[in-house]
């Protein structure tokens, strides 16, 4: 009981504490380099891409819940495939849920970077820890469960034992990595629609086009606008850290 009380106290403290950390230029460049190394080479993307896929699928799941849909389950494959099953009567809810997969990593990345810039990394970590715990109820396959459990465990350990400065650096690094990963996934999706059309059936844009009657390129444009917009905003915040 004391452990749970201590954990909850740490979570709630994250919402009230404000802690800023100055990031030297070499440290920020190192974070950017690590984000690129995680997302670009196939060897590292094979593993980090699973986490980006997890965030992608959670984007679908929480967007579905926002519109009152019922989430039945979420699966993640080792090939970075993902599948969310939800139900509801609203056609808007289905489209809204279908849209917020690919933009989710870039949106979350921007939120994390903004939280760091505002000195609210603790709040971002507390929110993330709670979301990851709730998300465990959605998972329906071993790969997804392992990714979720590992992510949730790391978040809880950081909340309990990490210093505010360490939490700040983790939040900033994860925000940058998700931003880069979101852009990489967008290029991968564009490749499906141009060079690897045999995989078109698995594209969110294709599925949305088929179910809503709105052409796939419109949905692709929407994904691109949100992801690029978030990336530009993230870059602006990072530039501000360099010029302070």
C-alpha atoms as a PDB file:
ATOM      1  CA  UNK A   1       0.000   0.000   0.000  1.00  0.00           C
ATOM      2  CA  UNK A   2       2.860   2.359   0.808  1.00  0.00           C
ATOM      3  CA  UNK A   3       4.345   1.676  -2.631  1.00  0.00           C
ATOM      4  CA  UNK A   4       1.061   2.597  -4.346  1.00  0.00           C
ATOM      5  CA  UNK A   5       0.714   5.713  -2.208  1.00  0.00           C
ATOM      6  CA  UNK A   6       4.297   6.708  -3.007  1.00  0.00           C
ATOM      7  CA  UNK A   7       3.691   6.135  -6.713  1.00  0.00           C
ATOM      8  CA  UNK A   8       0.489   8.185  -6.678  1.00  0.00           C
ATOM      9  CA  UNK A   9       2.214  10.984  -4.764  1.00  0.00           C
ATOM     10  CA  UNK A  10       4.954  11.029  -7.417  1.00  0.00           C
ATOM     11  CA  UNK A  11       2.355  11.121 -10.211  1.00  0.00           C
ATOM     12  CA  UNK A  12       0.418  14.013  -8.666  1.00  0.00           C
ATOM     13  CA  UNK A  13       3.634  15.881  -7.871  1.00  0.00           C
ATOM     14  CA  UNK A  14       4.419  15.856 -11.574  1.00  0.00           C
ATOM     15  CA  UNK A  15       1.356  18.023 -12.228  1.00  0.00           C
ATOM     16  CA  UNK A  16       2.437  20.717  -9.783  1.00  0.00           C
ATOM     17  CA  UNK A  17       6.214  20.846 -10.128  1.00  0.00           C
ATOM     18  CA  UNK A  18       7.824  23.216 -12.618  1.00  0.00           C
ATOM     19  CA  UNK A  19      11.436  22.482 -13.442  1.00  0.00           C
ATOM     20  CA  UNK A  20      13.426  23.960 -16.309  1.00  0.00           C
ATOM     21  CA  UNK A  21      16.727  22.647 -17.596  1.00  0.00           C
ATOM     22  CA  UNK A  22      19.140  24.525 -19.814  1.00  0.00           C
ATOM     23  CA  UNK A  23      20.251  22.279 -22.671  1.00  0.00           C
ATOM     24  CA  UNK A  24      23.772  22.977 -23.964  1.00  0.00           C
ATOM     25  CA  UNK A  25      24.164  22.957 -27.737  1.00  0.00           C
ATOM     26  CA  UNK A  26      26.261  19.744 -27.759  1.00  0.00           C
ATOM     27  CA  UNK A  27      23.579  17.932 -25.702  1.00  0.00           C
ATOM     28  CA  UNK A  28      20.776  19.061 -28.018  1.00  0.00           C
ATOM     29  CA  UNK A  29      22.755  18.072 -31.101  1.00  0.00           C
ATOM     30  CA  UNK A  30      23.427  14.703 -29.465  1.00  0.00           C
ATOM     31  CA  UNK A  31      19.695  14.215 -28.843  1.00  0.00           C
ATOM     32  CA  UNK A  32      18.935  15.085 -32.478  1.00  0.00           C
ATOM     33  CA  UNK A  33      21.617  12.660 -33.664  1.00  0.00           C
ATOM     34  CA  UNK A  34      20.235   9.854 -31.476  1.00  0.00           C
ATOM     35  CA  UNK A  35      16.722  10.493 -32.805  1.00  0.00           C
ATOM     36  CA  UNK A  36      17.992  10.172 -36.363  1.00  0.00           C
ATOM     37  CA  UNK A  37      19.950   7.011 -35.519  1.00  0.00           C
ATOM     38  CA  UNK A  38      16.833   5.460 -33.965  1.00  0.00           C
ATOM     39  CA  UNK A  39      14.579   6.280 -36.913  1.00  0.00           C
ATOM     40  CA  UNK A  40      16.644   6.090 -40.093  1.00  0.00           C
ATOM     41  CA  UNK A  41      18.802   2.909 -40.110  1.00  0.00           C
ATOM     42  CA  UNK A  42      16.732  -0.235 -40.547  1.00  0.00           C
ATOM     43  CA  UNK A  43      18.556  -2.059 -37.725  1.00  0.00           C
ATOM     44  CA  UNK A  44      17.469   0.449 -35.080  1.00  0.00           C
ATOM     45  CA  UNK A  45      14.121   1.341 -36.677  1.00  0.00           C
ATOM     46  CA  UNK A  46      13.150  -2.321 -36.464  1.00  0.00           C
ATOM     47  CA  UNK A  47      12.867  -1.873 -32.687  1.00  0.00           C
ATOM     48  CA  UNK A  48      12.126   1.823 -32.160  1.00  0.00           C
ATOM     49  CA  UNK A  49       9.542   1.584 -34.936  1.00  0.00           C
ATOM     50  CA  UNK A  50       7.536  -0.767 -32.733  1.00  0.00           C
ATOM     51  CA  UNK A  51       7.137   2.030 -30.184  1.00  0.00           C
ATOM     52  CA  UNK A  52       6.177   4.514 -32.924  1.00  0.00           C
ATOM     53  CA  UNK A  53       3.602   1.985 -34.160  1.00  0.00           C
ATOM     54  CA  UNK A  54       2.311   1.666 -30.593  1.00  0.00           C
ATOM     55  CA  UNK A  55       1.823   5.451 -30.394  1.00  0.00           C
ATOM     56  CA  UNK A  56       0.194   5.343 -33.851  1.00  0.00           C
ATOM     57  CA  UNK A  57      -2.335   2.754 -32.711  1.00  0.00           C
ATOM     58  CA  UNK A  58      -2.992   4.593 -29.450  1.00  0.00           C
ATOM     59  CA  UNK A  59      -3.793   7.622 -31.590  1.00  0.00           C
ATOM     60  CA  UNK A  60      -6.531   5.567 -33.250  1.00  0.00           C
ATOM     61  CA  UNK A  61      -7.729   4.205 -29.897  1.00  0.00           C
ATOM     62  CA  UNK A  62      -8.010   7.462 -27.979  1.00  0.00           C
ATOM     63  CA  UNK A  63      -9.505   9.263 -30.977  1.00  0.00           C
ATOM     64  CA  UNK A  64     -12.161   6.526 -31.050  1.00  0.00           C
ATOM     65  CA  UNK A  65     -12.865   6.969 -27.340  1.00  0.00           C
ATOM     66  CA  UNK A  66     -13.212  10.736 -27.861  1.00  0.00           C
ATOM     67  CA  UNK A  67     -16.215  10.133 -30.107  1.00  0.00           C
ATOM     68  CA  UNK A  68     -17.847   7.534 -27.881  1.00  0.00           C
ATOM     69  CA  UNK A  69     -16.718   4.479 -29.809  1.00  0.00           C
ATOM     70  CA  UNK A  70     -15.969   1.237 -27.969  1.00  0.00           C
ATOM     71  CA  UNK A  71     -12.422  -0.088 -28.343  1.00  0.00           C
ATOM     72  CA  UNK A  72     -12.395  -3.887 -28.553  1.00  0.00           C
ATOM     73  CA  UNK A  73      -8.684  -4.470 -28.933  1.00  0.00           C
ATOM     74  CA  UNK A  74      -5.360  -3.381 -30.364  1.00  0.00           C
ATOM     75  CA  UNK A  75      -2.659  -5.501 -31.976  1.00  0.00           C
ATOM     76  CA  UNK A  76       0.908  -4.704 -33.038  1.00  0.00           C
ATOM     77  CA  UNK A  77       3.005  -6.897 -35.331  1.00  0.00           C
ATOM     78  CA  UNK A  78       6.786  -7.274 -35.392  1.00  0.00           C
ATOM     79  CA  UNK A  79       6.627  -5.987 -38.985  1.00  0.00           C
ATOM     80  CA  UNK A  80       5.291  -2.654 -37.611  1.00  0.00           C
ATOM     81  CA  UNK A  81       1.771  -3.464 -38.677  1.00  0.00           C
ATOM     82  CA  UNK A  82      -1.042  -2.526 -36.334  1.00  0.00           C
ATOM     83  CA  UNK A  83      -4.756  -3.077 -36.062  1.00  0.00           C
ATOM     84  CA  UNK A  84      -7.357  -1.408 -33.880  1.00  0.00           C
ATOM     85  CA  UNK A  85     -10.866  -2.837 -33.622  1.00  0.00           C
ATOM     86  CA  UNK A  86     -13.544  -0.417 -32.443  1.00  0.00           C
ATOM     87  CA  UNK A  87     -17.271  -0.069 -32.930  1.00  0.00           C
ATOM     88  CA  UNK A  88     -19.852   2.686 -32.866  1.00  0.00           C
ATOM     89  CA  UNK A  89     -22.765   4.118 -34.772  1.00  0.00           C
ATOM     90  CA  UNK A  90     -21.168   7.393 -35.844  1.00  0.00           C
ATOM     91  CA  UNK A  91     -19.536   7.546 -39.277  1.00  0.00           C
ATOM     92  CA  UNK A  92     -17.680  10.640 -38.093  1.00  0.00           C
ATOM     93  CA  UNK A  93     -16.264   8.675 -35.161  1.00  0.00           C
ATOM     94  CA  UNK A  94     -14.900   5.994 -37.472  1.00  0.00           C
ATOM     95  CA  UNK A  95     -13.281   8.592 -39.745  1.00  0.00           C
ATOM     96  CA  UNK A  96     -11.919  10.596 -36.809  1.00  0.00           C
ATOM     97  CA  UNK A  97     -10.393   7.470 -35.301  1.00  0.00           C
ATOM     98  CA  UNK A  98      -8.989   6.375 -38.645  1.00  0.00           C
ATOM     99  CA  UNK A  99      -7.303   9.730 -39.213  1.00  0.00           C
ATOM    100  CA  UNK A 100      -5.351  10.096 -35.971  1.00  0.00           C
ATOM    101  CA  UNK A 101      -2.958   7.192 -36.395  1.00  0.00           C
ATOM    102  CA  UNK A 102      -0.165   8.556 -38.561  1.00  0.00           C
ATOM    103  CA  UNK A 103      -0.223  12.083 -37.063  1.00  0.00           C
ATOM    104  CA  UNK A 104      -0.136  10.762 -33.467  1.00  0.00           C
ATOM    105  CA  UNK A 105       3.683  10.386 -33.075  1.00  0.00           C
ATOM    106  CA  UNK A 106       4.315  13.902 -34.399  1.00  0.00           C
ATOM    107  CA  UNK A 107       1.539  15.363 -32.214  1.00  0.00           C
ATOM    108  CA  UNK A 108       2.833  13.586 -29.110  1.00  0.00           C
ATOM    109  CA  UNK A 109       6.390  14.613 -29.993  1.00  0.00           C
ATOM    110  CA  UNK A 110       5.352  18.274 -30.205  1.00  0.00           C
ATOM    111  CA  UNK A 111       3.481  18.043 -26.892  1.00  0.00           C
ATOM    112  CA  UNK A 112       6.535  16.561 -25.165  1.00  0.00           C
ATOM    113  CA  UNK A 113       8.898  19.190 -26.569  1.00  0.00           C
ATOM    114  CA  UNK A 114       6.455  21.954 -25.607  1.00  0.00           C
ATOM    115  CA  UNK A 115       6.161  20.496 -22.097  1.00  0.00           C
ATOM    116  CA  UNK A 116       9.937  20.533 -21.767  1.00  0.00           C
ATOM    117  CA  UNK A 117      10.139  24.125 -23.006  1.00  0.00           C
ATOM    118  CA  UNK A 118       7.511  25.169 -20.426  1.00  0.00           C
ATOM    119  CA  UNK A 119       9.235  23.345 -17.578  1.00  0.00           C
ATOM    120  CA  UNK A 120       6.347  20.889 -17.308  1.00  0.00           C
ATOM    121  CA  UNK A 121       8.146  17.670 -18.198  1.00  0.00           C
ATOM    122  CA  UNK A 122       6.942  16.148 -14.922  1.00  0.00           C
ATOM    123  CA  UNK A 123       3.322  16.678 -15.943  1.00  0.00           C
ATOM    124  CA  UNK A 124       4.014  15.171 -19.362  1.00  0.00           C
ATOM    125  CA  UNK A 125       5.626  12.135 -17.736  1.00  0.00           C
ATOM    126  CA  UNK A 126       2.724  11.718 -15.289  1.00  0.00           C
ATOM    127  CA  UNK A 127       0.142  11.915 -18.082  1.00  0.00           C
ATOM    128  CA  UNK A 128       2.154   9.476 -20.170  1.00  0.00           C
ATOM    129  CA  UNK A 129       2.509   7.013 -17.303  1.00  0.00           C
ATOM    130  CA  UNK A 130      -1.251   7.021 -16.680  1.00  0.00           C
ATOM    131  CA  UNK A 131      -2.097   6.685 -20.384  1.00  0.00           C
ATOM    132  CA  UNK A 132       0.306   3.763 -20.770  1.00  0.00           C
ATOM    133  CA  UNK A 133      -1.240   1.954 -17.805  1.00  0.00           C
ATOM    134  CA  UNK A 134      -4.775   2.441 -19.150  1.00  0.00           C
ATOM    135  CA  UNK A 135      -3.639   1.330 -22.600  1.00  0.00           C
ATOM    136  CA  UNK A 136      -2.711  -2.122 -21.291  1.00  0.00           C
ATOM    137  CA  UNK A 137      -6.400  -3.078 -21.327  1.00  0.00           C
ATOM    138  CA  UNK A 138      -6.552  -2.598 -25.110  1.00  0.00           C
ATOM    139  CA  UNK A 139      -3.739  -4.965 -26.099  1.00  0.00           C
ATOM    140  CA  UNK A 140      -4.614  -8.352 -27.584  1.00  0.00           C
ATOM    141  CA  UNK A 141      -1.321  -9.866 -28.751  1.00  0.00           C
ATOM    142  CA  UNK A 142       2.074 -10.654 -27.215  1.00  0.00           C
ATOM    143  CA  UNK A 143       4.103  -8.097 -29.172  1.00  0.00           C
ATOM    144  CA  UNK A 144       1.738  -5.296 -28.251  1.00  0.00           C
ATOM    145  CA  UNK A 145       1.640  -6.357 -24.608  1.00  0.00           C
ATOM    146  CA  UNK A 146       5.447  -6.480 -24.397  1.00  0.00           C
ATOM    147  CA  UNK A 147       5.841  -3.016 -25.950  1.00  0.00           C
ATOM    148  CA  UNK A 148       3.149  -1.578 -23.667  1.00  0.00           C
ATOM    149  CA  UNK A 149       4.451  -3.228 -20.480  1.00  0.00           C
ATOM    150  CA  UNK A 150       8.043  -2.152 -21.167  1.00  0.00           C
ATOM    151  CA  UNK A 151       6.961   1.417 -21.957  1.00  0.00           C
ATOM    152  CA  UNK A 152       4.708   1.603 -18.907  1.00  0.00           C
ATOM    153  CA  UNK A 153       7.389   0.132 -16.613  1.00  0.00           C
ATOM    154  CA  UNK A 154      10.019   2.639 -17.766  1.00  0.00           C
ATOM    155  CA  UNK A 155       7.568   5.518 -17.259  1.00  0.00           C
ATOM    156  CA  UNK A 156       6.698   4.390 -13.724  1.00  0.00           C
ATOM    157  CA  UNK A 157      10.375   3.961 -12.780  1.00  0.00           C
ATOM    158  CA  UNK A 158      11.201   7.433 -14.078  1.00  0.00           C
ATOM    159  CA  UNK A 159       8.361   8.943 -12.066  1.00  0.00           C
ATOM    160  CA  UNK A 160       9.453   7.176  -8.895  1.00  0.00           C
ATOM    161  CA  UNK A 161      13.233   7.438  -9.040  1.00  0.00           C
ATOM    162  CA  UNK A 162      14.493   9.892 -11.675  1.00  0.00           C
ATOM    163  CA  UNK A 163      15.583  13.416 -10.819  1.00  0.00           C
ATOM    164  CA  UNK A 164      13.654  16.319 -12.397  1.00  0.00           C
ATOM    165  CA  UNK A 165      16.616  17.027 -14.671  1.00  0.00           C
ATOM    166  CA  UNK A 166      16.706  13.421 -15.867  1.00  0.00           C
ATOM    167  CA  UNK A 167      12.947  13.481 -16.526  1.00  0.00           C
ATOM    168  CA  UNK A 168      13.411  16.697 -18.513  1.00  0.00           C
ATOM    169  CA  UNK A 169      16.056  15.125 -20.728  1.00  0.00           C
ATOM    170  CA  UNK A 170      14.009  11.954 -21.260  1.00  0.00           C
ATOM    171  CA  UNK A 171      10.895  13.943 -22.218  1.00  0.00           C
ATOM    172  CA  UNK A 172      12.869  16.117 -24.637  1.00  0.00           C
ATOM    173  CA  UNK A 173      14.670  13.148 -26.214  1.00  0.00           C
ATOM    174  CA  UNK A 174      11.465  11.143 -26.602  1.00  0.00           C
ATOM    175  CA  UNK A 175       9.674  14.149 -28.102  1.00  0.00           C
ATOM    176  CA  UNK A 176      12.412  14.636 -30.695  1.00  0.00           C
ATOM    177  CA  UNK A 177      12.584  10.911 -31.473  1.00  0.00           C
ATOM    178  CA  UNK A 178       8.813  10.650 -31.978  1.00  0.00           C
ATOM    179  CA  UNK A 179       8.834  13.716 -34.221  1.00  0.00           C
ATOM    180  CA  UNK A 180      11.515  12.192 -36.438  1.00  0.00           C
ATOM    181  CA  UNK A 181       9.790   8.796 -36.345  1.00  0.00           C
ATOM    182  CA  UNK A 182       6.481  10.354 -37.366  1.00  0.00           C
ATOM    183  CA  UNK A 183       8.096  11.953 -40.431  1.00  0.00           C
ATOM    184  CA  UNK A 184       9.768   8.665 -41.340  1.00  0.00           C
ATOM    185  CA  UNK A 185       6.429   6.857 -41.159  1.00  0.00           C
ATOM    186  CA  UNK A 186       4.888   9.497 -43.424  1.00  0.00           C
ATOM    187  CA  UNK A 187       7.543   8.852 -46.084  1.00  0.00           C
ATOM    188  CA  UNK A 188       6.927   5.116 -45.693  1.00  0.00           C
ATOM    189  CA  UNK A 189       3.198   5.654 -46.265  1.00  0.00           C
ATOM    190  CA  UNK A 190       3.894   7.810 -49.322  1.00  0.00           C
ATOM    191  CA  UNK A 191       6.032   4.967 -50.663  1.00  0.00           C
ATOM    192  CA  UNK A 192       3.116   2.548 -50.266  1.00  0.00           C
ATOM    193  CA  UNK A 193       0.948   4.820 -52.419  1.00  0.00           C
ATOM    194  CA  UNK A 194       3.611   5.322 -55.095  1.00  0.00           C
ATOM    195  CA  UNK A 195       6.084   2.426 -55.294  1.00  0.00           C
ATOM    196  CA  UNK A 196       4.655  -0.447 -53.229  1.00  0.00           C
ATOM    197  CA  UNK A 197       1.015  -0.384 -54.181  1.00  0.00           C
ATOM    198  CA  UNK A 198       0.687  -4.115 -53.442  1.00  0.00           C
ATOM    199  CA  UNK A 199       0.492  -3.030 -49.767  1.00  0.00           C
ATOM    200  CA  UNK A 200      -2.194  -0.425 -50.403  1.00  0.00           C
ATOM    201  CA  UNK A 201      -4.909  -2.413 -48.646  1.00  0.00           C
ATOM    202  CA  UNK A 202      -3.168  -1.771 -45.295  1.00  0.00           C
ATOM    203  CA  UNK A 203      -2.884   2.003 -45.763  1.00  0.00           C
ATOM    204  CA  UNK A 204      -4.989   4.142 -43.410  1.00  0.00           C
ATOM    205  CA  UNK A 205      -5.517   6.640 -46.234  1.00  0.00           C
ATOM    206  CA  UNK A 206      -6.747   3.893 -48.569  1.00  0.00           C
ATOM    207  CA  UNK A 207      -9.061   2.459 -45.886  1.00  0.00           C
ATOM    208  CA  UNK A 208     -10.472   5.914 -45.094  1.00  0.00           C
ATOM    209  CA  UNK A 209     -10.990   6.580 -48.785  1.00  0.00           C
ATOM    210  CA  UNK A 210     -12.833   3.313 -49.239  1.00  0.00           C
ATOM    211  CA  UNK A 211     -15.062   3.737 -46.167  1.00  0.00           C
ATOM    212  CA  UNK A 212     -15.847   7.467 -46.491  1.00  0.00           C
ATOM    213  CA  UNK A 213     -15.823   8.030 -50.239  1.00  0.00           C
ATOM    214  CA  UNK A 214     -13.286  10.836 -49.815  1.00  0.00           C
ATOM    215  CA  UNK A 215     -10.252  10.092 -52.051  1.00  0.00           C
ATOM    216  CA  UNK A 216      -7.158   8.677 -50.370  1.00  0.00           C
ATOM    217  CA  UNK A 217      -4.987  11.598 -51.512  1.00  0.00           C
ATOM    218  CA  UNK A 218      -7.155  13.955 -49.441  1.00  0.00           C
ATOM    219  CA  UNK A 219      -6.441  11.912 -46.318  1.00  0.00           C
ATOM    220  CA  UNK A 220      -2.735  11.735 -47.249  1.00  0.00           C
ATOM    221  CA  UNK A 221      -2.729  15.509 -47.569  1.00  0.00           C
ATOM    222  CA  UNK A 222      -4.347  15.812 -44.149  1.00  0.00           C
ATOM    223  CA  UNK A 223      -1.744  13.503 -42.582  1.00  0.00           C
ATOM    224  CA  UNK A 224       1.036  15.502 -44.231  1.00  0.00           C
ATOM    225  CA  UNK A 225      -0.277  18.879 -43.109  1.00  0.00           C
ATOM    226  CA  UNK A 226      -0.603  17.813 -39.468  1.00  0.00           C
ATOM    227  CA  UNK A 227       2.765  16.033 -39.349  1.00  0.00           C
ATOM    228  CA  UNK A 228       4.670  18.806 -41.128  1.00  0.00           C
ATOM    229  CA  UNK A 229       2.903  21.436 -39.009  1.00  0.00           C
ATOM    230  CA  UNK A 230       3.889  19.642 -35.800  1.00  0.00           C
ATOM    231  CA  UNK A 231       7.437  19.153 -37.064  1.00  0.00           C
ATOM    232  CA  UNK A 232       7.815  22.855 -37.910  1.00  0.00           C
ATOM    233  CA  UNK A 233       6.453  23.835 -34.482  1.00  0.00           C
ATOM    234  CA  UNK A 234       8.814  21.358 -32.802  1.00  0.00           C
ATOM    235  CA  UNK A 235      11.775  22.723 -34.795  1.00  0.00           C
ATOM    236  CA  UNK A 236      10.803  26.272 -33.789  1.00  0.00           C
ATOM    237  CA  UNK A 237      10.761  25.298 -30.118  1.00  0.00           C
ATOM    238  CA  UNK A 238      14.124  23.560 -30.463  1.00  0.00           C
ATOM    239  CA  UNK A 239      15.548  26.621 -32.226  1.00  0.00           C
ATOM    240  CA  UNK A 240      14.343  28.732 -29.312  1.00  0.00           C
ATOM    241  CA  UNK A 241      16.326  26.523 -26.963  1.00  0.00           C
ATOM    242  CA  UNK A 242      19.430  27.172 -29.047  1.00  0.00           C
ATOM    243  CA  UNK A 243      19.003  30.941 -29.054  1.00  0.00           C
ATOM    244  CA  UNK A 244      18.208  31.383 -25.343  1.00  0.00           C
END
